[in-house]
């Protein structure tokens, strides 16, 4: 297994998990699977939850503090961050629109959805109680709730992630404002912690094939019971869910980005795609915006004619805070899971998903698998059962490749827009596709 790439290992774990679950249903091994295999899936989920708070806290602090040169590039910085946040919000809203139109989670049979609903009746009841309590609060209470009264208390619950994000933003800004010689040791400390946390993510992802096997085996057993044929329904619904996500990602690349490139960047989109294509292919194969960053910068400078002053600032920042594809996927996945469990999300809850997915994308590490960690944050903030993540882990590797391609394309799109408005877009050298 060590000789295989991680995505092949995960795919093998998925296939074996489904096969084992169906076999367990056929040969009466459901109790064995539930008692001796399923817990390892729970452990995998717990590891993802474990890393969520420190990953967001440290990634955001290092990302914001890296803008120390924003005094020299204040105008460029404002345009860049504003555009990145705008495209991210657009991606999240697009995902919510699609998932509410197609309702892939409701493709489960009424019996299965009722079974899911009964399984998480407590969660649904708690949401109703929370909604009733919110009606008694003032209109600015959500804003008040973002500001923590105790950071350490906020860090004890993934459901308080917005409070952690607020502190990280405040701390990062403070590091920019204090003297550089005083801030540098702190920056070095958090940079080291960030590297350590990303290595922990790597370690967790090494266990992903086994965690996925256990999750899917337990999911198929719980879903199918003594009827292995019911597992086919799960596969069909997952396929429907993947199509909805793929439609959203395709709309970003084929509609949203072309509109921005043509209107603001004043460049033919065919030329843009030919220029950025090598970086797109690398993003697709590695599922990592960070690993693709050198290629993105090279393509943007040589193939698209963007000056290095722009690419050296806009693109590294984009690899940290611009996750359009990941944010769209998170919004679709969150509502899909809620639909599958019979949890109705009102407008306020879905607006909360917009805010959480947008802010979480800022702290999302540009490495494979980080999107799942961010999804945990979105689910918990919206009060959606975290166990539902097992439903969408199976096809996640393929979707990760697609959404990373969208992330990198969005980075280059914003870089071209900023370069055009700053007069730093020049005729490119000959386009080379490696």
Protein backbone atom coordinates (compact mmCIF):
# COMPACT_ATOMS: atom_id res chain seq x y z
CA UNK A 1 0.00 0.00 0.00
CA UNK A 2 2.91 2.37 0.74
CA UNK A 3 3.91 2.30 -2.93
CA UNK A 4 0.49 3.53 -4.01
CA UNK A 5 -0.48 7.20 -4.10
CA UNK A 6 -2.78 8.23 -1.27
CA UNK A 7 -5.78 8.73 -3.52
CA UNK A 8 -5.45 5.14 -4.81
CA UNK A 9 -5.22 3.90 -1.24
CA UNK A 10 -8.38 5.82 -0.33
CA UNK A 11 -10.20 4.47 -3.39
CA UNK A 12 -9.19 0.93 -2.44
CA UNK A 13 -10.35 1.55 1.14
CA UNK A 14 -13.67 2.83 -0.17
CA UNK A 15 -14.20 -0.19 -2.40
CA UNK A 16 -13.22 -2.65 0.30
CA UNK A 17 -15.42 -0.87 2.85
CA UNK A 18 -18.48 -1.11 0.58
CA UNK A 19 -17.67 -4.73 -0.27
CA UNK A 20 -17.20 -5.66 3.38
CA UNK A 21 -20.42 -3.93 4.40
CA UNK A 22 -22.41 -5.77 1.74
CA UNK A 23 -20.76 -9.06 2.70
CA UNK A 24 -21.56 -8.42 6.36
CA UNK A 25 -25.21 -7.90 5.49
CA UNK A 26 -25.25 -11.10 3.45
CA UNK A 27 -23.48 -13.36 5.96
CA UNK A 28 -24.83 -12.01 9.25
CA UNK A 29 -21.64 -10.22 10.33
CA UNK A 30 -23.32 -6.92 11.11
CA UNK A 31 -22.60 -7.10 14.84
CA UNK A 32 -18.92 -7.85 14.22
CA UNK A 33 -18.64 -4.92 11.82
CA UNK A 34 -20.43 -2.56 14.19
CA UNK A 35 -18.41 -3.61 17.26
CA UNK A 36 -14.93 -4.21 15.83
CA UNK A 37 -14.63 -2.19 12.61
CA UNK A 38 -17.01 0.77 12.93
CA UNK A 39 -15.18 2.28 15.96
CA UNK A 40 -12.09 2.91 13.83
CA UNK A 41 -14.23 5.12 11.61
CA UNK A 42 -15.30 7.04 14.71
CA UNK A 43 -11.64 7.44 15.69
CA UNK A 44 -10.89 8.86 12.24
CA UNK A 45 -13.74 11.36 12.58
CA UNK A 46 -12.53 12.34 16.05
CA UNK A 47 -9.02 13.01 14.70
CA UNK A 48 -10.51 15.35 12.09
CA UNK A 49 -12.46 17.15 14.81
CA UNK A 50 -9.36 17.28 17.01
CA UNK A 51 -7.31 19.26 14.48
CA UNK A 52 -10.06 21.65 13.37
CA UNK A 53 -9.63 24.42 15.98
CA UNK A 54 -5.80 24.58 16.00
CA UNK A 55 -5.69 24.38 12.19
CA UNK A 56 -8.00 27.38 11.76
CA UNK A 57 -6.40 29.41 14.55
CA UNK A 58 -2.80 29.03 13.41
CA UNK A 59 -3.47 29.11 9.65
CA UNK A 60 -5.42 32.36 9.97
CA UNK A 61 -2.84 34.04 12.20
CA UNK A 62 0.02 33.15 9.83
CA UNK A 63 -2.05 34.08 6.78
CA UNK A 64 -3.09 37.51 8.08
CA UNK A 65 0.32 38.36 9.55
CA UNK A 66 1.94 37.59 6.19
CA UNK A 67 0.27 40.79 4.91
CA UNK A 68 2.92 42.88 6.69
CA UNK A 69 3.80 44.53 3.37
CA UNK A 70 0.20 45.65 2.88
CA UNK A 71 1.29 49.22 3.69
CA UNK A 72 3.18 49.24 0.39
CA UNK A 73 0.47 47.36 -1.43
CA UNK A 74 -2.55 48.64 0.47
CA UNK A 75 -4.58 49.30 -2.65
CA UNK A 76 -3.66 45.95 -4.19
CA UNK A 77 -4.31 44.20 -0.88
CA UNK A 78 -7.76 45.70 -0.53
CA UNK A 79 -8.72 44.74 -4.07
CA UNK A 80 -7.32 41.23 -3.68
CA UNK A 81 -8.94 40.37 -0.36
CA UNK A 82 -12.24 41.96 -1.35
CA UNK A 83 -12.36 40.08 -4.65
CA UNK A 84 -11.37 36.79 -3.05
CA UNK A 85 -14.09 37.11 -0.42
CA UNK A 86 -16.61 38.15 -3.08
CA UNK A 87 -15.95 35.12 -5.30
CA UNK A 88 -16.03 32.83 -2.26
CA UNK A 89 -19.43 34.14 -1.16
CA UNK A 90 -20.65 33.75 -4.74
CA UNK A 91 -19.44 30.14 -4.82
CA UNK A 92 -21.15 29.29 -1.51
CA UNK A 93 -24.42 30.88 -2.61
CA UNK A 94 -24.25 29.05 -5.96
CA UNK A 95 -23.77 25.76 -4.12
CA UNK A 96 -26.75 26.47 -1.85
CA UNK A 97 -28.95 27.36 -4.82
CA UNK A 98 -28.06 24.14 -6.65
CA UNK A 99 -28.48 21.85 -3.65
CA UNK A 100 -31.87 23.41 -2.83
CA UNK A 101 -33.02 23.03 -6.44
CA UNK A 102 -31.88 19.44 -7.02
CA UNK A 103 -32.22 18.24 -3.37
CA UNK A 104 -29.88 15.23 -3.72
CA UNK A 105 -30.26 14.30 -0.04
CA UNK A 106 -33.99 13.77 -0.59
CA UNK A 107 -33.24 11.16 -3.27
CA UNK A 108 -33.09 8.59 -0.48
CA UNK A 109 -36.26 6.60 -0.17
CA UNK A 110 -38.81 8.04 2.29
CA UNK A 111 -38.23 5.03 4.53
CA UNK A 112 -34.48 5.67 4.73
CA UNK A 113 -34.93 9.39 5.28
CA UNK A 114 -37.42 8.68 8.05
CA UNK A 115 -34.96 6.20 9.53
CA UNK A 116 -32.21 8.84 9.45
CA UNK A 117 -34.62 11.38 10.92
CA UNK A 118 -35.54 9.08 13.80
CA UNK A 119 -31.87 8.33 14.38
CA UNK A 120 -31.16 12.03 14.87
CA UNK A 121 -34.49 13.12 16.31
CA UNK A 122 -32.63 14.58 19.28
CA UNK A 123 -30.57 16.80 17.02
CA UNK A 124 -33.65 18.04 15.15
CA UNK A 125 -35.42 18.71 18.45
CA UNK A 126 -32.41 20.65 19.73
CA UNK A 127 -32.40 22.76 16.56
CA UNK A 128 -36.07 23.58 17.08
CA UNK A 129 -35.36 24.64 20.66
CA UNK A 130 -32.44 26.76 19.50
CA UNK A 131 -34.61 28.41 16.86
CA UNK A 132 -37.26 29.24 19.46
CA UNK A 133 -34.59 30.73 21.71
CA UNK A 134 -33.22 32.83 18.84
CA UNK A 135 -36.65 34.38 18.29
CA UNK A 136 -36.37 35.90 21.76
CA UNK A 137 -32.98 37.50 21.01
CA UNK A 138 -32.24 40.91 19.54
CA UNK A 139 -31.36 41.41 15.85
CA UNK A 140 -27.64 41.95 16.60
CA UNK A 141 -27.24 38.87 18.81
CA UNK A 142 -25.48 36.87 16.04
CA UNK A 143 -22.90 39.66 15.86
CA UNK A 144 -22.49 39.59 19.62
CA UNK A 145 -22.00 35.81 19.54
CA UNK A 146 -19.03 36.13 17.15
CA UNK A 147 -16.99 37.97 19.80
CA UNK A 148 -15.84 35.53 22.53
CA UNK A 149 -15.70 36.52 26.16
CA UNK A 150 -13.17 33.76 26.82
CA UNK A 151 -10.90 32.46 24.05
CA UNK A 152 -10.05 29.22 25.81
CA UNK A 153 -13.69 28.42 26.36
CA UNK A 154 -14.38 29.09 22.68
CA UNK A 155 -11.52 26.74 21.72
CA UNK A 156 -13.12 23.87 23.65
CA UNK A 157 -15.99 23.61 21.15
CA UNK A 158 -15.85 23.31 17.37
CA UNK A 159 -19.31 24.85 17.39
CA UNK A 160 -17.71 28.16 18.48
CA UNK A 161 -15.45 28.31 15.45
CA UNK A 162 -16.58 31.80 14.44
CA UNK A 163 -15.28 33.07 17.78
CA UNK A 164 -11.92 31.40 17.17
CA UNK A 165 -11.80 32.93 13.68
CA UNK A 166 -12.53 36.38 15.14
CA UNK A 167 -9.65 36.12 17.61
CA UNK A 168 -7.27 34.81 14.92
CA UNK A 169 -8.09 37.75 12.65
CA UNK A 170 -7.65 40.21 15.52
CA UNK A 171 -4.34 38.64 16.56
CA UNK A 172 -3.01 38.60 13.00
CA UNK A 173 -3.87 42.28 12.51
CA UNK A 174 -2.14 43.12 15.80
CA UNK A 175 1.03 41.41 14.58
CA UNK A 176 1.00 43.66 11.52
CA UNK A 177 0.63 46.80 13.61
CA UNK A 178 3.39 46.18 16.19
CA UNK A 179 7.08 46.82 15.34
CA UNK A 180 8.45 44.18 12.92
CA UNK A 181 11.35 43.21 15.21
CA UNK A 182 8.85 42.42 17.98
CA UNK A 183 6.43 40.62 15.67
CA UNK A 184 9.03 38.44 13.93
CA UNK A 185 9.63 35.99 16.83
CA UNK A 186 5.87 35.54 17.18
CA UNK A 187 5.50 35.02 13.44
CA UNK A 188 8.31 32.46 13.47
CA UNK A 189 6.63 30.64 16.35
CA UNK A 190 3.26 30.41 14.63
CA UNK A 191 4.93 29.48 11.34
CA UNK A 192 6.58 26.55 13.10
CA UNK A 193 3.33 25.57 14.79
CA UNK A 194 1.56 25.83 11.43
CA UNK A 195 4.09 23.47 9.85
CA UNK A 196 3.63 21.02 12.71
CA UNK A 197 -0.16 21.14 12.40
CA UNK A 198 0.02 20.59 8.64
CA UNK A 199 2.24 17.58 9.34
CA UNK A 200 -0.42 16.29 11.73
CA UNK A 201 -2.93 16.67 8.89
CA UNK A 202 -0.56 14.59 6.72
CA UNK A 203 -0.42 11.93 9.43
CA UNK A 204 -4.21 11.88 9.77
CA UNK A 205 -4.59 11.58 6.00
CA UNK A 206 -2.22 8.60 6.05
CA UNK A 207 -4.87 6.83 8.12
CA UNK A 208 -7.63 7.94 5.75
CA UNK A 209 -7.75 4.66 3.73
CA UNK A 210 -8.39 2.69 6.91
CA UNK A 211 -10.75 5.30 8.34
CA UNK A 212 -12.73 5.39 5.09
CA UNK A 213 -12.88 1.58 5.04
CA UNK A 214 -14.27 1.49 8.57
CA UNK A 215 -16.69 4.38 7.97
CA UNK A 216 -18.09 2.90 4.78
CA UNK A 217 -18.29 -0.61 6.17
CA UNK A 218 -20.26 0.71 9.15
CA UNK A 219 -22.35 3.00 6.94
CA UNK A 220 -23.33 0.21 4.54
CA UNK A 221 -24.21 -2.09 7.45
CA UNK A 222 -26.32 0.61 9.12
CA UNK A 223 -27.92 1.57 5.84
CA UNK A 224 -28.55 -1.84 4.32
CA UNK A 225 -29.20 -3.84 7.47
CA UNK A 226 -29.88 -7.39 6.31
CA UNK A 227 -30.62 -6.24 2.75
CA UNK A 228 -27.36 -5.80 0.74
CA UNK A 229 -29.37 -4.58 -2.24
CA UNK A 230 -30.20 -1.42 -0.31
CA UNK A 231 -26.53 -0.40 -0.62
CA UNK A 232 -27.17 0.25 -4.30
CA UNK A 233 -29.53 3.05 -3.29
CA UNK A 234 -26.69 4.65 -1.33
CA UNK A 235 -24.35 4.50 -4.33
CA UNK A 236 -26.99 5.98 -6.64
CA UNK A 237 -27.71 8.88 -4.29
CA UNK A 238 -23.99 9.56 -3.86
CA UNK A 239 -23.67 9.67 -7.64
CA UNK A 240 -26.49 12.22 -7.78
CA UNK A 241 -24.76 14.29 -5.08
CA UNK A 242 -21.48 14.21 -7.04
CA UNK A 243 -23.27 15.44 -10.16
CA UNK A 244 -24.72 18.41 -8.26
CA UNK A 245 -21.26 19.36 -6.91
CA UNK A 246 -19.71 18.91 -10.38
CA UNK A 247 -22.37 21.15 -11.95
CA UNK A 248 -21.56 23.89 -9.45
CA UNK A 249 -17.81 23.61 -10.04
CA UNK A 250 -18.36 23.61 -13.82
CA UNK A 251 -20.46 26.76 -13.56
CA UNK A 252 -17.61 28.49 -11.73
CA UNK A 253 -15.11 27.63 -14.49
CA UNK A 254 -17.46 28.00 -17.46
CA UNK A 255 -19.64 30.95 -16.38
CA UNK A 256 -18.39 32.91 -13.35
CA UNK A 257 -14.66 33.07 -14.13
CA UNK A 258 -15.18 33.77 -17.87
CA UNK A 259 -17.42 36.70 -16.97
CA UNK A 260 -14.74 38.14 -14.67
CA UNK A 261 -11.83 37.51 -17.06
CA UNK A 262 -13.64 39.04 -20.03
CA UNK A 263 -15.26 42.04 -18.32
CA UNK A 264 -12.61 43.05 -15.75
CA UNK A 265 -9.50 41.34 -17.09
CA UNK A 266 -10.45 42.26 -20.69
CA UNK A 267 -8.86 39.03 -21.93
CA UNK A 268 -10.27 36.25 -24.08
CA UNK A 269 -11.17 33.31 -21.86
CA UNK A 270 -9.77 30.79 -24.34
CA UNK A 271 -6.39 32.52 -24.01
CA UNK A 272 -6.72 32.49 -20.22
CA UNK A 273 -7.54 28.77 -20.09
CA UNK A 274 -4.67 27.86 -22.44
CA UNK A 275 -2.30 29.85 -20.26
CA UNK A 276 -3.38 28.40 -16.92
CA UNK A 277 -3.96 24.84 -18.17
CA UNK A 278 -0.64 23.38 -16.88
CA UNK A 279 -1.41 24.63 -13.38
CA UNK A 280 -4.95 23.25 -13.60
CA UNK A 281 -3.65 19.80 -14.47
CA UNK A 282 -1.16 19.88 -11.61
CA UNK A 283 -3.91 20.99 -9.24
CA UNK A 284 -6.12 18.14 -10.47
CA UNK A 285 -3.42 15.52 -9.90
CA UNK A 286 -2.10 16.77 -6.53
CA UNK A 287 -5.32 18.16 -4.96
CA UNK A 288 -3.11 20.82 -3.37
CA UNK A 289 -3.20 24.54 -4.07
CA UNK A 290 0.10 24.92 -2.20
CA UNK A 291 1.88 22.29 -4.29
CA UNK A 292 0.51 23.92 -7.44
CA UNK A 293 1.50 27.47 -6.43
CA UNK A 294 4.89 27.56 -8.25
CA UNK A 295 3.23 26.39 -11.48
CA UNK A 296 0.37 28.87 -11.03
CA UNK A 297 2.84 31.72 -10.65
CA UNK A 298 4.88 30.62 -13.66
CA UNK A 299 1.82 30.25 -15.88
CA UNK A 300 0.41 33.59 -14.72
CA UNK A 301 3.65 35.45 -15.42
CA UNK A 302 4.80 33.79 -18.66
CA UNK A 303 1.53 32.69 -20.24
CA UNK A 304 -0.87 35.37 -19.03
CA UNK A 305 1.50 38.35 -18.85
CA UNK A 306 0.85 39.27 -15.20
CA UNK A 307 3.72 41.20 -13.60
CA UNK A 308 5.63 39.46 -10.83
CA UNK A 309 4.74 42.22 -8.36
CA UNK A 310 1.13 41.11 -8.63
CA UNK A 311 1.65 37.34 -8.75
CA UNK A 312 4.06 37.31 -5.81
CA UNK A 313 1.41 38.93 -3.60
CA UNK A 314 -1.96 37.84 -4.98
CA UNK A 315 -1.29 34.16 -5.68
CA UNK A 316 0.32 33.10 -2.36
CA UNK A 317 -2.48 34.94 -0.57
CA UNK A 318 -5.00 33.14 -2.76
CA UNK A 319 -3.54 29.76 -1.84
CA UNK A 320 -4.36 30.65 1.77
CA UNK A 321 -7.72 32.42 1.67
CA UNK A 322 -9.29 31.75 -1.74
CA UNK A 323 -11.05 28.39 -1.79
CA UNK A 324 -14.00 28.88 -4.13
CA UNK A 325 -14.29 25.23 -5.13
CA UNK A 326 -13.92 24.01 -1.56
CA UNK A 327 -16.50 26.51 -0.27
CA UNK A 328 -19.03 25.52 -2.93
CA UNK A 329 -18.50 21.85 -2.10
CA UNK A 330 -18.96 22.53 1.62
CA UNK A 331 -22.28 24.29 1.12
CA UNK A 332 -23.62 21.47 -1.08
CA UNK A 333 -22.32 18.75 1.26
CA UNK A 334 -23.73 20.39 4.41
CA UNK A 335 -27.25 20.78 3.01
CA UNK A 336 -27.08 17.31 1.40
CA UNK A 337 -26.35 15.74 4.79
CA UNK A 338 -29.12 17.78 6.43
CA UNK A 339 -31.57 16.66 3.74
CA UNK A 340 -30.54 13.03 4.19
CA UNK A 341 -31.24 13.23 7.93
CA UNK A 342 -34.53 15.06 7.48
CA UNK A 343 -33.26 18.29 9.04
CA UNK A 344 -34.89 21.38 7.55
CA UNK A 345 -32.53 24.35 7.30
CA UNK A 346 -34.27 27.71 7.29
CA UNK A 347 -32.94 30.82 5.60
CA UNK A 348 -31.06 31.96 8.70
CA UNK A 349 -29.29 28.59 9.00
CA UNK A 350 -28.26 28.67 5.36
CA UNK A 351 -27.01 32.25 5.69
CA UNK A 352 -24.96 30.94 8.61
CA UNK A 353 -23.48 28.35 6.27
CA UNK A 354 -22.55 31.15 3.86
CA UNK A 355 -20.72 33.04 6.60
CA UNK A 356 -19.05 29.99 8.15
CA UNK A 357 -17.94 28.46 4.84
CA UNK A 358 -16.56 31.82 3.68
CA UNK A 359 -14.62 32.48 6.86
CA UNK A 360 -13.50 28.87 7.23
CA UNK A 361 -12.08 28.95 3.70
CA UNK A 362 -9.70 31.69 4.86
CA UNK A 363 -8.13 29.28 7.32
CA UNK A 364 -8.33 26.22 5.10
CA UNK A 365 -4.87 24.77 4.55
CA UNK A 366 -3.89 24.37 0.90
CA UNK A 367 -3.25 20.63 1.26
CA UNK A 368 -5.22 17.51 0.26
CA UNK A 369 -7.95 16.60 2.72
CA UNK A 370 -8.15 19.99 4.45
CA UNK A 371 -11.59 20.58 2.90
CA UNK A 372 -13.00 17.73 4.97
CA UNK A 373 -11.66 19.35 8.13
CA UNK A 374 -13.32 22.63 7.15
CA UNK A 375 -16.56 20.76 6.42
CA UNK A 376 -16.54 19.51 10.01
CA UNK A 377 -16.54 23.16 11.09
CA UNK A 378 -19.44 24.07 8.79
CA UNK A 379 -21.50 21.08 9.93
CA UNK A 380 -21.03 21.75 13.61
CA UNK A 381 -21.74 25.45 13.27
CA UNK A 382 -25.02 24.64 11.47
CA UNK A 383 -25.98 21.95 13.98
CA UNK A 384 -25.87 19.15 11.37
CA UNK A 385 -24.84 15.68 12.64
CA UNK A 386 -21.08 15.34 12.20
CA UNK A 387 -21.53 11.60 11.64
CA UNK A 388 -23.15 12.46 8.33
CA UNK A 389 -19.70 13.18 6.93
CA UNK A 390 -19.44 9.44 6.35
CA UNK A 391 -22.05 9.83 3.63
CA UNK A 392 -19.85 12.02 1.45
CA UNK A 393 -16.35 10.68 2.18
CA UNK A 394 -16.55 7.97 -0.46
CA UNK A 395 -16.32 10.23 -3.53
CA UNK A 396 -14.35 12.95 -1.76
CA UNK A 397 -11.01 12.27 -3.45
CA UNK A 398 -12.43 12.81 -6.93
CA UNK A 399 -14.32 15.91 -5.81
CA UNK A 400 -11.15 17.15 -4.07
CA UNK A 401 -9.31 17.02 -7.39
CA UNK A 402 -12.10 18.96 -9.10
CA UNK A 403 -12.49 21.62 -6.43
CA UNK A 404 -8.73 22.20 -6.20
CA UNK A 405 -8.72 22.85 -9.94
CA UNK A 406 -11.43 25.47 -9.36
CA UNK A 407 -9.46 26.98 -6.46
CA UNK A 408 -6.34 27.46 -8.60
CA UNK A 409 -8.35 28.84 -11.54
CA UNK A 410 -9.97 31.34 -9.18
CA UNK A 411 -6.56 32.45 -7.89
CA UNK A 412 -5.35 33.15 -11.43
CA UNK A 413 -8.62 34.91 -12.31
CA UNK A 414 -8.31 37.34 -9.41
CA UNK A 415 -4.61 37.91 -10.19
CA UNK A 416 -5.52 38.87 -13.75
CA UNK A 417 -8.31 41.18 -12.58
CA UNK A 418 -6.03 42.98 -10.10
CA UNK A 419 -3.22 43.21 -12.67
CA UNK A 420 -5.54 44.77 -15.25
CA UNK A 421 -6.90 47.38 -12.85
CA UNK A 422 -3.34 48.23 -11.75
CA UNK A 423 -2.01 48.46 -15.31
CA UNK A 424 0.36 45.55 -14.68
CA UNK A 425 -0.83 43.18 -17.39
CA UNK A 426 1.55 43.02 -20.37
CA UNK A 427 1.71 40.90 -23.55
CA UNK A 428 2.73 37.40 -22.47
CA UNK A 429 5.61 35.34 -23.74
CA UNK A 430 4.84 32.25 -25.81
CA UNK A 431 2.41 29.95 -24.04
CA UNK A 432 3.86 26.59 -23.15
CA UNK A 433 1.77 23.66 -21.99
CA UNK A 434 3.87 21.10 -20.13
